[in-house]
Amino acid sequence: MSEAPFRIVPAGEGEALWFAGAHQVVKHPGDWSEGQFSFVEVTVQRGRATGLHVDPSDETFYVLEGELLFHVDGVEHAAGPGDTVSLRKGTPHAFVATSELAKFVVMNTPGTHDRFFRDGGEPATHQDFESAPAPDHERMEASCRKHGIEMLGPPPFSALGVAG
């Protein structure tokens, strides 16, 4: 844990990563809070989706910009700026960006998701989606296994023509 009892991460700063076509900035790694939580800012393009999966941690999304469509236990829910979506560990879910860009923060408790993203992604030196690295599916799958994330299937948004 950090020696300081507080942490301030200015806008535009943090550990930047590319993971599954998403630009992510780790604002508070789980290690800072002795594994209690992690806090990551994520930006995705329209159509970028996760596969249907379950996490070993509780997960809370707070939408900053754009719109996301969540698939939770077989039901779809739209979320826009200011909306919060909280999922208990073990809840089957997926999401897709339905706006040109969507920006949100995700907090996981306990705080291990930053390690999952780091192990499955790669450092980002820019935020240009056109020149973003292609997702390394083998590396992402290995990270899922390592961090207890169970993939249940492809993105359940085929009617939207999405990319996983």
N, C-alpha and C. Protein backbone atom coordinates (compact mmCIF):
# COMPACT_ATOMS: atom_id res chain seq x y z
N MET A 1 0.85 -1.18 0.00
CA MET A 1 0.00 0.00 0.00
C MET A 1 0.89 1.24 0.00
N SER A 2 0.40 2.28 -0.59
CA SER A 2 1.11 3.55 -0.64
C SER A 2 1.29 4.10 0.78
N GLU A 3 2.39 4.83 0.97
CA GLU A 3 2.63 5.48 2.26
C GLU A 3 1.60 6.58 2.52
N ALA A 4 1.17 7.28 1.48
CA ALA A 4 0.22 8.38 1.65
C ALA A 4 -1.18 7.84 1.90
N PRO A 5 -1.97 8.50 2.77
CA PRO A 5 -3.33 8.06 3.03
C PRO A 5 -4.33 8.53 1.96
N PHE A 6 -3.84 9.18 0.92
CA PHE A 6 -4.70 9.63 -0.17
C PHE A 6 -3.93 9.51 -1.47
N ARG A 7 -4.67 9.61 -2.57
CA ARG A 7 -4.06 9.51 -3.89
C ARG A 7 -4.85 10.41 -4.83
N ILE A 8 -4.16 11.28 -5.54
CA ILE A 8 -4.79 12.14 -6.55
C ILE A 8 -4.14 11.82 -7.88
N VAL A 9 -4.96 11.47 -8.86
CA VAL A 9 -4.47 11.20 -10.20
C VAL A 9 -5.12 12.23 -11.12
N PRO A 10 -4.36 13.20 -11.61
CA PRO A 10 -4.93 14.25 -12.46
C PRO A 10 -5.52 13.69 -13.77
N ALA A 11 -6.43 14.45 -14.34
CA ALA A 11 -7.01 14.10 -15.64
C ALA A 11 -5.88 13.87 -16.63
N GLY A 12 -6.02 12.86 -17.46
CA GLY A 12 -5.01 12.56 -18.47
C GLY A 12 -3.83 11.77 -17.96
N GLU A 13 -3.82 11.43 -16.67
CA GLU A 13 -2.70 10.67 -16.11
C GLU A 13 -3.18 9.33 -15.58
N GLY A 14 -2.23 8.43 -15.41
CA GLY A 14 -2.50 7.07 -14.95
C GLY A 14 -1.79 6.11 -15.88
N GLU A 15 -1.85 4.84 -15.57
CA GLU A 15 -1.20 3.83 -16.41
C GLU A 15 -2.12 3.49 -17.58
N ALA A 16 -1.71 3.85 -18.80
CA ALA A 16 -2.54 3.64 -20.00
C ALA A 16 -2.25 2.28 -20.61
N LEU A 17 -3.33 1.59 -20.99
CA LEU A 17 -3.25 0.25 -21.57
C LEU A 17 -4.22 0.12 -22.73
N TRP A 18 -3.90 -0.77 -23.66
CA TRP A 18 -4.86 -1.23 -24.66
C TRP A 18 -5.27 -2.63 -24.23
N PHE A 19 -6.57 -2.89 -24.17
CA PHE A 19 -7.08 -4.21 -23.83
C PHE A 19 -8.32 -4.46 -24.67
N ALA A 20 -8.28 -5.47 -25.52
CA ALA A 20 -9.43 -5.85 -26.34
C ALA A 20 -9.99 -4.68 -27.15
N GLY A 21 -9.11 -3.83 -27.66
CA GLY A 21 -9.56 -2.70 -28.46
C GLY A 21 -10.05 -1.52 -27.66
N ALA A 22 -9.96 -1.61 -26.35
CA ALA A 22 -10.39 -0.52 -25.46
C ALA A 22 -9.16 0.20 -24.92
N HIS A 23 -9.25 1.53 -24.84
CA HIS A 23 -8.18 2.31 -24.22
C HIS A 23 -8.53 2.45 -22.75
N GLN A 24 -7.61 2.02 -21.90
CA GLN A 24 -7.88 2.01 -20.47
C GLN A 24 -6.79 2.76 -19.73
N VAL A 25 -7.19 3.46 -18.69
CA VAL A 25 -6.24 4.18 -17.84
C VAL A 25 -6.49 3.75 -16.40
N VAL A 26 -5.52 3.07 -15.83
CA VAL A 26 -5.63 2.65 -14.43
C VAL A 26 -5.41 3.88 -13.56
N LYS A 27 -6.45 4.29 -12.87
CA LYS A 27 -6.39 5.46 -12.00
C LYS A 27 -5.96 5.06 -10.58
N HIS A 28 -6.49 3.96 -10.11
CA HIS A 28 -6.13 3.45 -8.78
C HIS A 28 -5.95 1.94 -8.88
N PRO A 29 -4.70 1.46 -8.90
CA PRO A 29 -4.48 0.02 -8.94
C PRO A 29 -4.90 -0.64 -7.63
N GLY A 30 -5.28 -1.89 -7.71
CA GLY A 30 -5.70 -2.61 -6.51
C GLY A 30 -4.65 -2.64 -5.42
N ASP A 31 -3.38 -2.66 -5.80
CA ASP A 31 -2.31 -2.70 -4.81
C ASP A 31 -2.33 -1.49 -3.89
N TRP A 32 -2.78 -0.34 -4.41
CA TRP A 32 -2.79 0.87 -3.59
C TRP A 32 -3.70 0.71 -2.38
N SER A 33 -4.80 0.01 -2.55
CA SER A 33 -5.77 -0.16 -1.46
C SER A 33 -5.66 -1.54 -0.80
N GLU A 34 -4.48 -2.15 -0.93
CA GLU A 34 -4.26 -3.51 -0.41
C GLU A 34 -5.30 -4.47 -0.96
N GLY A 35 -5.63 -4.29 -2.24
CA GLY A 35 -6.55 -5.19 -2.93
C GLY A 35 -8.03 -4.94 -2.68
N GLN A 36 -8.38 -3.87 -1.99
CA GLN A 36 -9.79 -3.61 -1.69
C GLN A 36 -10.59 -3.19 -2.92
N PHE A 37 -9.98 -2.39 -3.81
CA PHE A 37 -10.68 -1.97 -5.03
C PHE A 37 -9.67 -1.55 -6.08
N SER A 38 -10.11 -1.59 -7.33
CA SER A 38 -9.36 -0.99 -8.44
C SER A 38 -10.32 -0.08 -9.18
N PHE A 39 -9.77 0.95 -9.83
CA PHE A 39 -10.58 1.98 -10.47
C PHE A 39 -9.93 2.31 -11.81
N VAL A 40 -10.63 2.02 -12.91
CA VAL A 40 -10.06 2.14 -14.25
C VAL A 40 -11.00 2.95 -15.14
N GLU A 41 -10.43 3.90 -15.88
CA GLU A 41 -11.18 4.70 -16.86
C GLU A 41 -11.05 4.01 -18.22
N VAL A 42 -12.17 3.81 -18.91
CA VAL A 42 -12.18 3.05 -20.16
C VAL A 42 -12.86 3.87 -21.25
N THR A 43 -12.27 3.86 -22.46
CA THR A 43 -12.88 4.49 -23.63
C THR A 43 -12.96 3.44 -24.73
N VAL A 44 -14.14 3.29 -25.32
CA VAL A 44 -14.35 2.32 -26.39
C VAL A 44 -15.10 2.96 -27.55
N GLN A 45 -14.92 2.38 -28.73
CA GLN A 45 -15.64 2.83 -29.92
C GLN A 45 -16.95 2.07 -30.07
N ARG A 46 -17.85 2.65 -30.86
CA ARG A 46 -19.13 2.01 -31.16
C ARG A 46 -18.90 0.56 -31.63
N GLY A 47 -19.70 -0.34 -31.10
CA GLY A 47 -19.65 -1.73 -31.51
C GLY A 47 -18.68 -2.59 -30.74
N ARG A 48 -17.81 -1.99 -29.97
CA ARG A 48 -16.87 -2.79 -29.18
C ARG A 48 -17.65 -3.43 -28.04
N ALA A 49 -17.54 -4.75 -27.93
CA ALA A 49 -18.33 -5.49 -26.95
C ALA A 49 -17.47 -6.50 -26.21
N THR A 50 -17.92 -6.87 -25.04
CA THR A 50 -17.30 -7.98 -24.32
C THR A 50 -18.09 -9.23 -24.63
N GLY A 51 -17.45 -10.37 -24.48
CA GLY A 51 -18.17 -11.62 -24.54
C GLY A 51 -18.98 -11.77 -23.26
N LEU A 52 -19.96 -12.66 -23.29
CA LEU A 52 -20.74 -12.94 -22.10
C LEU A 52 -19.82 -13.63 -21.10
N HIS A 53 -19.77 -13.11 -19.88
CA HIS A 53 -18.82 -13.63 -18.89
C HIS A 53 -19.30 -13.38 -17.47
N VAL A 54 -18.60 -14.01 -16.53
CA VAL A 54 -18.81 -13.74 -15.11
C VAL A 54 -17.47 -13.39 -14.48
N ASP A 55 -17.50 -12.47 -13.55
CA ASP A 55 -16.30 -12.01 -12.84
C ASP A 55 -16.29 -12.56 -11.42
N PRO A 56 -15.09 -12.73 -10.85
CA PRO A 56 -14.99 -13.18 -9.47
C PRO A 56 -15.06 -12.02 -8.47
N SER A 57 -15.37 -10.83 -8.96
CA SER A 57 -15.44 -9.65 -8.10
C SER A 57 -16.71 -8.86 -8.43
N ASP A 58 -17.15 -8.04 -7.49
CA ASP A 58 -18.24 -7.11 -7.76
C ASP A 58 -17.70 -6.05 -8.70
N GLU A 59 -18.57 -5.55 -9.58
CA GLU A 59 -18.13 -4.61 -10.61
C GLU A 59 -19.15 -3.49 -10.72
N THR A 60 -18.68 -2.25 -10.70
CA THR A 60 -19.56 -1.09 -10.84
C THR A 60 -19.06 -0.21 -11.97
N PHE A 61 -19.96 0.12 -12.89
CA PHE A 61 -19.67 0.99 -14.03
C PHE A 61 -20.35 2.33 -13.80
N TYR A 62 -19.65 3.41 -14.10
CA TYR A 62 -20.24 4.75 -14.06
C TYR A 62 -19.95 5.38 -15.42
N VAL A 63 -21.00 5.65 -16.18
CA VAL A 63 -20.85 6.17 -17.54
C VAL A 63 -20.59 7.68 -17.49
N LEU A 64 -19.50 8.08 -18.13
CA LEU A 64 -19.13 9.50 -18.20
C LEU A 64 -19.63 10.14 -19.48
N GLU A 65 -19.44 9.46 -20.61
CA GLU A 65 -19.82 9.98 -21.93
C GLU A 65 -20.34 8.83 -22.79
N GLY A 66 -21.24 9.13 -23.70
CA GLY A 66 -21.73 8.13 -24.63
C GLY A 66 -22.73 7.18 -24.00
N GLU A 67 -22.94 6.05 -24.69
CA GLU A 67 -23.94 5.09 -24.22
C GLU A 67 -23.42 3.67 -24.33
N LEU A 68 -23.80 2.87 -23.35
CA LEU A 68 -23.49 1.45 -23.32
C LEU A 68 -24.80 0.68 -23.23
N LEU A 69 -24.80 -0.51 -23.79
CA LEU A 69 -25.93 -1.42 -23.65
C LEU A 69 -25.40 -2.63 -22.89
N PHE A 70 -26.00 -2.92 -21.74
CA PHE A 70 -25.60 -4.06 -20.92
C PHE A 70 -26.56 -5.21 -21.13
N HIS A 71 -26.03 -6.40 -21.17
CA HIS A 71 -26.81 -7.64 -21.22
C HIS A 71 -26.55 -8.32 -19.87
N VAL A 72 -27.57 -8.37 -19.01
CA VAL A 72 -27.42 -8.93 -17.67
C VAL A 72 -28.50 -9.99 -17.46
N ASP A 73 -28.07 -11.22 -17.22
CA ASP A 73 -29.01 -12.32 -17.00
C ASP A 73 -30.07 -12.39 -18.10
N GLY A 74 -29.67 -12.17 -19.34
CA GLY A 74 -30.57 -12.31 -20.47
C GLY A 74 -31.41 -11.09 -20.80
N VAL A 75 -31.25 -10.00 -20.06
CA VAL A 75 -32.04 -8.79 -20.29
C VAL A 75 -31.10 -7.64 -20.65
N GLU A 76 -31.50 -6.81 -21.62
CA GLU A 76 -30.68 -5.67 -22.03
C GLU A 76 -31.12 -4.40 -21.30
N HIS A 77 -30.10 -3.61 -20.92
CA HIS A 77 -30.33 -2.36 -20.19
C HIS A 77 -29.42 -1.29 -20.78
N ALA A 78 -29.98 -0.14 -21.16
CA ALA A 78 -29.18 0.98 -21.69
C ALA A 78 -28.67 1.83 -20.53
N ALA A 79 -27.45 2.36 -20.70
CA ALA A 79 -26.86 3.24 -19.68
C ALA A 79 -26.16 4.39 -20.39
N GLY A 80 -26.44 5.62 -19.93
CA GLY A 80 -25.83 6.82 -20.51
C GLY A 80 -25.15 7.65 -19.44
N PRO A 81 -24.71 8.85 -19.81
CA PRO A 81 -23.97 9.71 -18.88
C PRO A 81 -24.68 9.87 -17.53
N GLY A 82 -23.93 9.62 -16.48
CA GLY A 82 -24.46 9.72 -15.13
C GLY A 82 -25.08 8.45 -14.59
N ASP A 83 -25.27 7.45 -15.45
CA ASP A 83 -25.86 6.19 -15.00
C ASP A 83 -24.80 5.29 -14.37
N THR A 84 -25.24 4.52 -13.39
CA THR A 84 -24.38 3.56 -12.70
C THR A 84 -24.98 2.17 -12.86
N VAL A 85 -24.14 1.21 -13.19
CA VAL A 85 -24.55 -0.19 -13.30
C VAL A 85 -23.66 -0.99 -12.36
N SER A 86 -24.26 -1.67 -11.39
CA SER A 86 -23.49 -2.47 -10.44
C SER A 86 -23.87 -3.94 -10.59
N LEU A 87 -22.85 -4.79 -10.60
CA LEU A 87 -23.04 -6.22 -10.78
C LEU A 87 -22.35 -6.97 -9.65
N ARG A 88 -23.07 -7.89 -9.05
CA ARG A 88 -22.45 -8.74 -8.03
C ARG A 88 -21.60 -9.81 -8.71
N LYS A 89 -20.56 -10.24 -8.03
CA LYS A 89 -19.70 -11.27 -8.58
C LYS A 89 -20.54 -12.48 -8.98
N GLY A 90 -20.14 -13.11 -10.07
CA GLY A 90 -20.86 -14.28 -10.55
C GLY A 90 -22.07 -13.99 -11.42
N THR A 91 -22.38 -12.72 -11.68
CA THR A 91 -23.54 -12.36 -12.50
C THR A 91 -23.15 -12.39 -13.98
N PRO A 92 -23.79 -13.24 -14.80
CA PRO A 92 -23.47 -13.26 -16.23
C PRO A 92 -23.81 -11.91 -16.87
N HIS A 93 -22.86 -11.36 -17.63
CA HIS A 93 -23.10 -10.06 -18.26
C HIS A 93 -22.15 -9.84 -19.44
N ALA A 94 -22.50 -8.83 -20.22
CA ALA A 94 -21.68 -8.34 -21.33
C ALA A 94 -22.13 -6.91 -21.57
N PHE A 95 -21.32 -6.16 -22.31
CA PHE A 95 -21.75 -4.81 -22.68
C PHE A 95 -21.17 -4.45 -24.03
N VAL A 96 -21.82 -3.46 -24.67
CA VAL A 96 -21.39 -2.97 -25.98
C VAL A 96 -21.58 -1.46 -26.00
N ALA A 97 -20.66 -0.77 -26.67
CA ALA A 97 -20.80 0.68 -26.87
C ALA A 97 -21.76 0.91 -28.02
N THR A 98 -22.80 1.71 -27.79
CA THR A 98 -23.79 1.99 -28.83
C THR A 98 -23.68 3.41 -29.36
N SER A 99 -22.80 4.22 -28.79
CA SER A 99 -22.53 5.57 -29.29
C SER A 99 -21.17 5.56 -29.99
N GLU A 100 -20.88 6.61 -30.74
CA GLU A 100 -19.60 6.69 -31.46
C GLU A 100 -18.43 6.37 -30.54
N LEU A 101 -18.37 7.00 -29.39
CA LEU A 101 -17.40 6.69 -28.34
C LEU A 101 -18.17 6.60 -27.02
N ALA A 102 -17.70 5.76 -26.14
CA ALA A 102 -18.25 5.69 -24.79
C ALA A 102 -17.08 5.72 -23.82
N LYS A 103 -17.23 6.51 -22.78
CA LYS A 103 -16.20 6.62 -21.75
C LYS A 103 -16.86 6.36 -20.40
N PHE A 104 -16.24 5.50 -19.62
CA PHE A 104 -16.80 5.14 -18.33
C PHE A 104 -15.68 4.76 -17.38
N VAL A 105 -16.01 4.69 -16.12
CA VAL A 105 -15.08 4.16 -15.14
C VAL A 105 -15.67 2.86 -14.60
N VAL A 106 -14.78 1.94 -14.29
CA VAL A 106 -15.20 0.67 -13.71
C VAL A 106 -14.41 0.45 -12.44
N MET A 107 -15.14 0.11 -11.38
CA MET A 107 -14.51 -0.17 -10.10
C MET A 107 -14.82 -1.62 -9.74
N ASN A 108 -13.79 -2.34 -9.36
CA ASN A 108 -13.95 -3.73 -8.96
C ASN A 108 -13.55 -3.90 -7.51
N THR A 109 -14.35 -4.70 -6.80
CA THR A 109 -14.03 -5.04 -5.42
C THR A 109 -14.16 -6.55 -5.26
N PRO A 110 -13.13 -7.25 -4.85
CA PRO A 110 -11.80 -6.72 -4.57
C PRO A 110 -11.11 -6.21 -5.83
N GLY A 111 -10.03 -5.50 -5.61
CA GLY A 111 -9.35 -4.77 -6.69
C GLY A 111 -8.30 -5.56 -7.43
N THR A 112 -8.74 -6.41 -8.35
CA THR A 112 -7.79 -7.20 -9.14
C THR A 112 -7.89 -6.94 -10.63
N HIS A 113 -8.90 -6.20 -11.06
CA HIS A 113 -9.11 -6.02 -12.51
C HIS A 113 -7.97 -5.28 -13.20
N ASP A 114 -7.30 -4.38 -12.50
CA ASP A 114 -6.18 -3.71 -13.14
C ASP A 114 -5.11 -4.73 -13.53
N ARG A 115 -4.89 -5.76 -12.71
CA ARG A 115 -3.92 -6.81 -13.05
C ARG A 115 -4.42 -7.64 -14.23
N PHE A 116 -5.72 -7.91 -14.25
CA PHE A 116 -6.31 -8.64 -15.38
C PHE A 116 -6.08 -7.88 -16.69
N PHE A 117 -6.36 -6.57 -16.69
CA PHE A 117 -6.17 -5.76 -17.89
C PHE A 117 -4.69 -5.69 -18.26
N ARG A 118 -3.82 -5.52 -17.29
CA ARG A 118 -2.38 -5.42 -17.53
C ARG A 118 -1.85 -6.73 -18.12
N ASP A 119 -2.26 -7.87 -17.55
CA ASP A 119 -1.78 -9.17 -18.02
C ASP A 119 -2.31 -9.51 -19.41
N GLY A 120 -3.52 -9.05 -19.73
CA GLY A 120 -4.13 -9.38 -21.01
C GLY A 120 -3.96 -8.33 -22.09
N GLY A 121 -3.44 -7.17 -21.72
CA GLY A 121 -3.30 -6.07 -22.68
C GLY A 121 -1.85 -5.69 -22.89
N GLU A 122 -1.66 -4.45 -23.29
CA GLU A 122 -0.31 -3.94 -23.48
C GLU A 122 -0.29 -2.44 -23.23
N PRO A 123 0.88 -1.90 -22.89
CA PRO A 123 0.96 -0.46 -22.62
C PRO A 123 0.49 0.37 -23.81
N ALA A 124 -0.17 1.48 -23.54
CA ALA A 124 -0.64 2.39 -24.59
C ALA A 124 0.19 3.67 -24.55
N THR A 125 0.70 4.04 -25.70
CA THR A 125 1.46 5.29 -25.80
C THR A 125 0.65 6.37 -26.48
N HIS A 126 -0.57 6.03 -26.92
CA HIS A 126 -1.46 6.97 -27.61
C HIS A 126 -2.90 6.50 -27.41
N GLN A 127 -3.84 7.31 -27.83
CA GLN A 127 -5.25 6.95 -27.72
C GLN A 127 -5.92 6.95 -29.10
N ASP A 128 -5.15 6.72 -30.14
CA ASP A 128 -5.66 6.70 -31.51
C ASP A 128 -6.19 5.30 -31.83
N PHE A 129 -7.51 5.16 -31.89
CA PHE A 129 -8.10 3.86 -32.13
C PHE A 129 -7.72 3.29 -33.49
N GLU A 130 -7.46 4.16 -34.47
CA GLU A 130 -7.10 3.69 -35.81
C GLU A 130 -5.78 2.93 -35.81
N SER A 131 -4.87 3.29 -34.91
CA SER A 131 -3.57 2.60 -34.86
C SER A 131 -3.41 1.78 -33.58
N ALA A 132 -4.53 1.44 -32.96
CA ALA A 132 -4.48 0.60 -31.75
C ALA A 132 -4.02 -0.80 -32.12
N PRO A 133 -3.29 -1.46 -31.25
CA PRO A 133 -2.86 -2.83 -31.54
C PRO A 133 -4.05 -3.78 -31.59
N ALA A 134 -3.94 -4.78 -32.43
CA ALA A 134 -4.99 -5.80 -32.50
C ALA A 134 -4.99 -6.58 -31.19
N PRO A 135 -6.16 -6.95 -30.70
CA PRO A 135 -6.21 -7.74 -29.46
C PRO A 135 -5.47 -9.06 -29.61
N ASP A 136 -4.71 -9.44 -28.61
CA ASP A 136 -4.01 -10.72 -28.57
C ASP A 136 -4.92 -11.69 -27.81
N HIS A 137 -5.71 -12.47 -28.56
CA HIS A 137 -6.74 -13.30 -27.94
C HIS A 137 -6.16 -14.37 -27.03
N GLU A 138 -5.02 -14.95 -27.40
CA GLU A 138 -4.41 -15.96 -26.53
C GLU A 138 -3.99 -15.34 -25.20
N ARG A 139 -3.41 -14.16 -25.26
CA ARG A 139 -2.99 -13.47 -24.04
C ARG A 139 -4.20 -13.09 -23.18
N MET A 140 -5.28 -12.63 -23.83
CA MET A 140 -6.49 -12.27 -23.10
C MET A 140 -7.11 -13.49 -22.43
N GLU A 141 -7.16 -14.62 -23.16
CA GLU A 141 -7.72 -15.84 -22.59
C GLU A 141 -6.89 -16.33 -21.41
N ALA A 142 -5.57 -16.23 -21.52
CA ALA A 142 -4.69 -16.62 -20.41
C ALA A 142 -4.94 -15.72 -19.20
N SER A 143 -5.16 -14.44 -19.43
CA SER A 143 -5.44 -13.51 -18.34
C SER A 143 -6.78 -13.84 -17.68
N CYS A 144 -7.77 -14.22 -18.48
CA CYS A 144 -9.07 -14.63 -17.92
C CYS A 144 -8.88 -15.83 -16.99
N ARG A 145 -8.15 -16.83 -17.46
CA ARG A 145 -7.92 -18.02 -16.63
C ARG A 145 -7.18 -17.65 -15.34
N LYS A 146 -6.14 -16.85 -15.47
CA LYS A 146 -5.32 -16.47 -14.31
C LYS A 146 -6.13 -15.71 -13.26
N HIS A 147 -7.06 -14.87 -13.70
CA HIS A 147 -7.79 -13.99 -12.78
C HIS A 147 -9.22 -14.46 -12.49
N GLY A 148 -9.57 -15.68 -12.91
CA GLY A 148 -10.85 -16.26 -12.54
C GLY A 148 -12.06 -15.71 -13.26
N ILE A 149 -11.85 -15.17 -14.46
CA ILE A 149 -12.97 -14.67 -15.26
C ILE A 149 -13.41 -15.78 -16.20
N GLU A 150 -14.68 -16.15 -16.09
CA GLU A 150 -15.20 -17.26 -16.88
C GLU A 150 -15.97 -16.74 -18.09
N MET A 151 -15.47 -17.08 -19.28
CA MET A 151 -16.15 -16.70 -20.51
C MET A 151 -17.27 -17.71 -20.78
N LEU A 152 -18.48 -17.20 -21.00
CA LEU A 152 -19.64 -18.05 -21.23
C LEU A 152 -20.04 -18.12 -22.69
N GLY A 153 -19.57 -17.16 -23.49
CA GLY A 153 -19.93 -17.16 -24.90
C GLY A 153 -19.56 -15.85 -25.56
N PRO A 154 -19.88 -15.73 -26.85
CA PRO A 154 -19.57 -14.50 -27.59
C PRO A 154 -20.47 -13.35 -27.14
N PRO A 155 -20.19 -12.15 -27.64
CA PRO A 155 -21.07 -11.02 -27.31
C PRO A 155 -22.51 -11.35 -27.73
N PRO A 156 -23.49 -11.16 -26.86
CA PRO A 156 -24.88 -11.49 -27.18
C PRO A 156 -25.62 -10.38 -27.91
N PHE A 157 -24.90 -9.64 -28.74
CA PHE A 157 -25.48 -8.48 -29.42
C PHE A 157 -25.42 -8.63 -30.94
N SER A 158 -25.58 -9.82 -31.47
CA SER A 158 -25.39 -10.06 -32.90
C SER A 158 -26.30 -9.20 -33.77
N ALA A 159 -27.47 -8.84 -33.28
CA ALA A 159 -28.39 -8.00 -34.06
C ALA A 159 -27.80 -6.62 -34.30
N LEU A 160 -26.84 -6.21 -33.47
CA LEU A 160 -26.22 -4.89 -33.62
C LEU A 160 -24.98 -4.93 -34.50
N GLY A 161 -24.53 -6.13 -34.90
CA GLY A 161 -23.33 -6.25 -35.73
C GLY A 161 -22.09 -5.77 -34.99
N VAL A 162 -21.89 -6.27 -33.78
CA VAL A 162 -20.80 -5.79 -32.92
C VAL A 162 -19.54 -6.61 -33.06
N ALA A 163 -18.43 -6.02 -32.60
CA ALA A 163 -17.14 -6.69 -32.55
C ALA A 163 -16.83 -7.06 -31.12
N GLY A 164 -16.34 -8.27 -30.91
CA GLY A 164 -15.97 -8.71 -29.55
C GLY A 164 -14.54 -8.47 -29.24
